[in-house]
C-alpha atoms as a PDB file:
ATOM      1  CA  UNK A   1       0.000   0.000   0.000  1.00  0.00           C
ATOM      2  CA  UNK A   2       1.409   3.371  -1.010  1.00  0.00           C
ATOM      3  CA  UNK A   3       1.930   6.092   1.548  1.00  0.00           C
ATOM      4  CA  UNK A   4      -0.429   9.072   1.414  1.00  0.00           C
ATOM      5  CA  UNK A   5       1.142  12.056  -0.428  1.00  0.00           C
ATOM      6  CA  UNK A   6       0.781  14.254   2.672  1.00  0.00           C
ATOM      7  CA  UNK A   7       2.783  11.734   4.712  1.00  0.00           C
ATOM      8  CA  UNK A   8       5.532  11.969   2.089  1.00  0.00           C
ATOM      9  CA  UNK A   9       5.285  15.762   2.324  1.00  0.00           C
ATOM     10  CA  UNK A  10       5.987  15.499   6.062  1.00  0.00           C
ATOM     11  CA  UNK A  11       8.972  13.223   5.465  1.00  0.00           C
ATOM     12  CA  UNK A  12      10.424  15.762   3.034  1.00  0.00           C
ATOM     13  CA  UNK A  13       9.898  18.503   5.608  1.00  0.00           C
ATOM     14  CA  UNK A  14      11.793  16.625   8.298  1.00  0.00           C
ATOM     15  CA  UNK A  15      14.653  15.937   5.885  1.00  0.00           C
ATOM     16  CA  UNK A  16      14.761  19.608   4.913  1.00  0.00           C
ATOM     17  CA  UNK A  17      14.631  20.912   8.516  1.00  0.00           C
ATOM     18  CA  UNK A  18      18.377  20.622   9.121  1.00  0.00           C
ATOM     19  CA  UNK A  19      19.746  20.484   5.613  1.00  0.00           C
ATOM     20  CA  UNK A  20      17.738  22.673   3.281  1.00  0.00           C
ATOM     21  CA  UNK A  21      15.814  25.704   4.588  1.00  0.00           C
ATOM     22  CA  UNK A  22      14.811  26.686   1.048  1.00  0.00           C
ATOM     23  CA  UNK A  23      13.080  23.328   0.544  1.00  0.00           C
ATOM     24  CA  UNK A  24      11.405  23.674   3.942  1.00  0.00           C
ATOM     25  CA  UNK A  25      10.175  27.156   3.006  1.00  0.00           C
ATOM     26  CA  UNK A  26       8.544  25.677  -0.090  1.00  0.00           C
ATOM     27  CA  UNK A  27       6.623  23.213   2.113  1.00  0.00           C
ATOM     28  CA  UNK A  28       5.311  25.816   4.564  1.00  0.00           C
ATOM     29  CA  UNK A  29       2.614  28.137   3.232  1.00  0.00           C
ATOM     30  CA  UNK A  30       3.477  31.847   3.227  1.00  0.00           C
ATOM     31  CA  UNK A  31       0.550  32.527   5.577  1.00  0.00           C
ATOM     32  CA  UNK A  32       0.979  29.433   7.770  1.00  0.00           C
ATOM     33  CA  UNK A  33       0.559  29.639  11.531  1.00  0.00           C
ATOM     34  CA  UNK A  34       2.881  27.686  13.871  1.00  0.00           C
ATOM     35  CA  UNK A  35       1.694  27.311  17.471  1.00  0.00           C
ATOM     36  CA  UNK A  36       3.892  26.327  20.405  1.00  0.00           C
ATOM     37  CA  UNK A  37       2.255  25.779  23.803  1.00  0.00           C
ATOM     38  CA  UNK A  38       3.717  26.348  27.210  1.00  0.00           C
ATOM     39  CA  UNK A  39       5.291  29.065  29.295  1.00  0.00           C
ATOM     40  CA  UNK A  40       8.789  29.449  27.895  1.00  0.00           C
ATOM     41  CA  UNK A  41      10.936  31.442  25.490  1.00  0.00           C
ATOM     42  CA  UNK A  42       9.668  29.479  22.465  1.00  0.00           C
ATOM     43  CA  UNK A  43       5.938  29.526  23.304  1.00  0.00           C
ATOM     44  CA  UNK A  44       3.656  31.533  21.111  1.00  0.00           C
ATOM     45  CA  UNK A  45       1.964  31.795  17.774  1.00  0.00           C
ATOM     46  CA  UNK A  46       4.158  32.490  14.766  1.00  0.00           C
ATOM     47  CA  UNK A  47       2.453  33.784  11.614  1.00  0.00           C
ATOM     48  CA  UNK A  48       3.916  33.551   8.147  1.00  0.00           C
ATOM     49  CA  UNK A  49       7.460  32.996   6.984  1.00  0.00           C
ATOM     50  CA  UNK A  50       8.603  36.296   8.528  1.00  0.00           C
ATOM     51  CA  UNK A  51       7.913  34.894  12.029  1.00  0.00           C
ATOM     52  CA  UNK A  52       8.192  31.120  11.534  1.00  0.00           C
ATOM     53  CA  UNK A  53      11.728  31.008  10.137  1.00  0.00           C
ATOM     54  CA  UNK A  54      13.296  33.224  12.817  1.00  0.00           C
ATOM     55  CA  UNK A  55      11.544  30.985  15.383  1.00  0.00           C
ATOM     56  CA  UNK A  56      13.067  27.869  13.782  1.00  0.00           C
ATOM     57  CA  UNK A  57      16.517  29.503  13.621  1.00  0.00           C
ATOM     58  CA  UNK A  58      16.201  30.334  17.294  1.00  0.00           C
ATOM     59  CA  UNK A  59      15.971  26.617  18.170  1.00  0.00           C
ATOM     60  CA  UNK A  60      19.375  26.196  16.543  1.00  0.00           C
ATOM     61  CA  UNK A  61      20.833  29.297  18.201  1.00  0.00           C
ATOM     62  CA  UNK A  62      19.611  28.462  21.728  1.00  0.00           C
ATOM     63  CA  UNK A  63      20.962  24.919  21.478  1.00  0.00           C
ATOM     64  CA  UNK A  64      24.272  25.730  19.811  1.00  0.00           C
ATOM     65  CA  UNK A  65      23.196  23.653  16.823  1.00  0.00           C
ATOM     66  CA  UNK A  66      22.448  20.515  18.859  1.00  0.00           C
ATOM     67  CA  UNK A  67      18.662  20.515  18.400  1.00  0.00           C
ATOM     68  CA  UNK A  68      17.414  17.497  16.449  1.00  0.00           C
ATOM     69  CA  UNK A  69      13.960  16.379  15.369  1.00  0.00           C
ATOM     70  CA  UNK A  70      13.917  12.674  14.528  1.00  0.00           C
ATOM     71  CA  UNK A  71      10.768  11.504  12.770  1.00  0.00           C
ATOM     72  CA  UNK A  72       9.201   8.405  14.381  1.00  0.00           C
ATOM     73  CA  UNK A  73       5.964   8.035  12.413  1.00  0.00           C
ATOM     74  CA  UNK A  74       3.409   9.972  10.424  1.00  0.00           C
ATOM     75  CA  UNK A  75      -0.187   9.388   9.434  1.00  0.00           C
ATOM     76  CA  UNK A  76      -2.002  11.602   6.974  1.00  0.00           C
ATOM     77  CA  UNK A  77      -5.141  12.151   4.983  1.00  0.00           C
ATOM     78  CA  UNK A  78      -6.121  14.754   2.395  1.00  0.00           C
ATOM     79  CA  UNK A  79      -6.249  17.644   4.885  1.00  0.00           C
ATOM     80  CA  UNK A  80      -4.117  16.725   7.911  1.00  0.00           C
ATOM     81  CA  UNK A  81      -1.067  14.913   9.173  1.00  0.00           C
ATOM     82  CA  UNK A  82      -0.138  13.775  12.664  1.00  0.00           C
ATOM     83  CA  UNK A  83       3.552  13.340  13.342  1.00  0.00           C
ATOM     84  CA  UNK A  84       5.367  11.784  16.280  1.00  0.00           C
ATOM     85  CA  UNK A  85       9.008  12.767  16.575  1.00  0.00           C
ATOM     86  CA  UNK A  86      11.822  12.760  19.085  1.00  0.00           C
ATOM     87  CA  UNK A  87      13.047  16.238  20.011  1.00  0.00           C
ATOM     88  CA  UNK A  88      16.518  16.396  21.528  1.00  0.00           C
ATOM     89  CA  UNK A  89      19.093  19.060  22.215  1.00  0.00           C
ATOM     90  CA  UNK A  90      21.346  20.691  24.778  1.00  0.00           C
ATOM     91  CA  UNK A  91      21.719  24.210  26.132  1.00  0.00           C
ATOM     92  CA  UNK A  92      24.987  25.898  27.117  1.00  0.00           C
ATOM     93  CA  UNK A  93      24.008  25.841  30.785  1.00  0.00           C
ATOM     94  CA  UNK A  94      23.795  22.036  30.850  1.00  0.00           C
ATOM     95  CA  UNK A  95      20.035  21.637  30.336  1.00  0.00           C
ATOM     96  CA  UNK A  96      19.090  18.842  27.974  1.00  0.00           C
ATOM     97  CA  UNK A  97      15.941  17.792  26.182  1.00  0.00           C
ATOM     98  CA  UNK A  98      15.018  14.321  24.982  1.00  0.00           C
ATOM     99  CA  UNK A  99      11.256  13.948  24.625  1.00  0.00           C
ATOM    100  CA  UNK A 100       8.667  12.870  22.133  1.00  0.00           C
ATOM    101  CA  UNK A 101       6.459  15.512  20.554  1.00  0.00           C
ATOM    102  CA  UNK A 102       3.534  15.585  18.198  1.00  0.00           C
ATOM    103  CA  UNK A 103       3.042  17.937  15.311  1.00  0.00           C
ATOM    104  CA  UNK A 104      -0.532  18.418  14.217  1.00  0.00           C
ATOM    105  CA  UNK A 105      -0.470  19.696  10.661  1.00  0.00           C
ATOM    106  CA  UNK A 106      -3.136  21.199   8.440  1.00  0.00           C
ATOM    107  CA  UNK A 107      -2.235  20.615   4.807  1.00  0.00           C
ATOM    108  CA  UNK A 108      -3.632  22.301   1.701  1.00  0.00           C
ATOM    109  CA  UNK A 109      -2.312  22.393  -1.827  1.00  0.00           C
ATOM    110  CA  UNK A 110       0.789  20.415  -0.914  1.00  0.00           C
ATOM    111  CA  UNK A 111       1.844  22.872   1.800  1.00  0.00           C
ATOM    112  CA  UNK A 112       1.680  23.019   5.584  1.00  0.00           C
ATOM    113  CA  UNK A 113      -0.837  25.717   6.521  1.00  0.00           C
ATOM    114  CA  UNK A 114      -1.176  25.136  10.264  1.00  0.00           C
ATOM    115  CA  UNK A 115       1.357  23.585  12.601  1.00  0.00           C
ATOM    116  CA  UNK A 116       0.727  22.892  16.285  1.00  0.00           C
ATOM    117  CA  UNK A 117       3.486  21.433  18.443  1.00  0.00           C
ATOM    118  CA  UNK A 118       2.411  19.206  21.323  1.00  0.00           C
ATOM    119  CA  UNK A 119       5.229  18.162  23.681  1.00  0.00           C
ATOM    120  CA  UNK A 120       4.373  14.893  25.390  1.00  0.00           C
ATOM    121  CA  UNK A 121       6.333  16.023  28.458  1.00  0.00           C
ATOM    122  CA  UNK A 122       5.312  19.685  28.787  1.00  0.00           C
ATOM    123  CA  UNK A 123       7.169  20.146  32.095  1.00  0.00           C
ATOM    124  CA  UNK A 124      10.479  19.058  30.545  1.00  0.00           C
ATOM    125  CA  UNK A 125       9.747  21.138  27.434  1.00  0.00           C
ATOM    126  CA  UNK A 126       9.115  24.314  29.462  1.00  0.00           C
ATOM    127  CA  UNK A 127      12.162  23.714  31.681  1.00  0.00           C
ATOM    128  CA  UNK A 128      14.427  23.266  28.670  1.00  0.00           C
ATOM    129  CA  UNK A 129      13.266  26.366  26.779  1.00  0.00           C
ATOM    130  CA  UNK A 130      12.823  28.591  29.880  1.00  0.00           C
END
């Protein structure tokens, strides 16, 4: 059975995250909204490329380039994808993160239009990004 095209779209996005920001930009709609829950430096709602890409760069900056998002699995249909991934990284002050997270994606026209991050250990997530 072939994988749904939106699942493949997610796989391409995870491959592009660290290696090819231009390819990632092509996958995220210009007017997309990325939501991050919690009470920390990364929490908030980021609208459009002008806010989303500085937010993504900040994950690299705050972790000295150690932040990694390792795809575990993805399921998708014509309008949505649900992604489980391992998020890991280290901060200069010795804090470390190694948790599973979900991404809930809205997909339209072959692009991510809504992205909601859901850390499965919100206490660890907030402590790491505080």
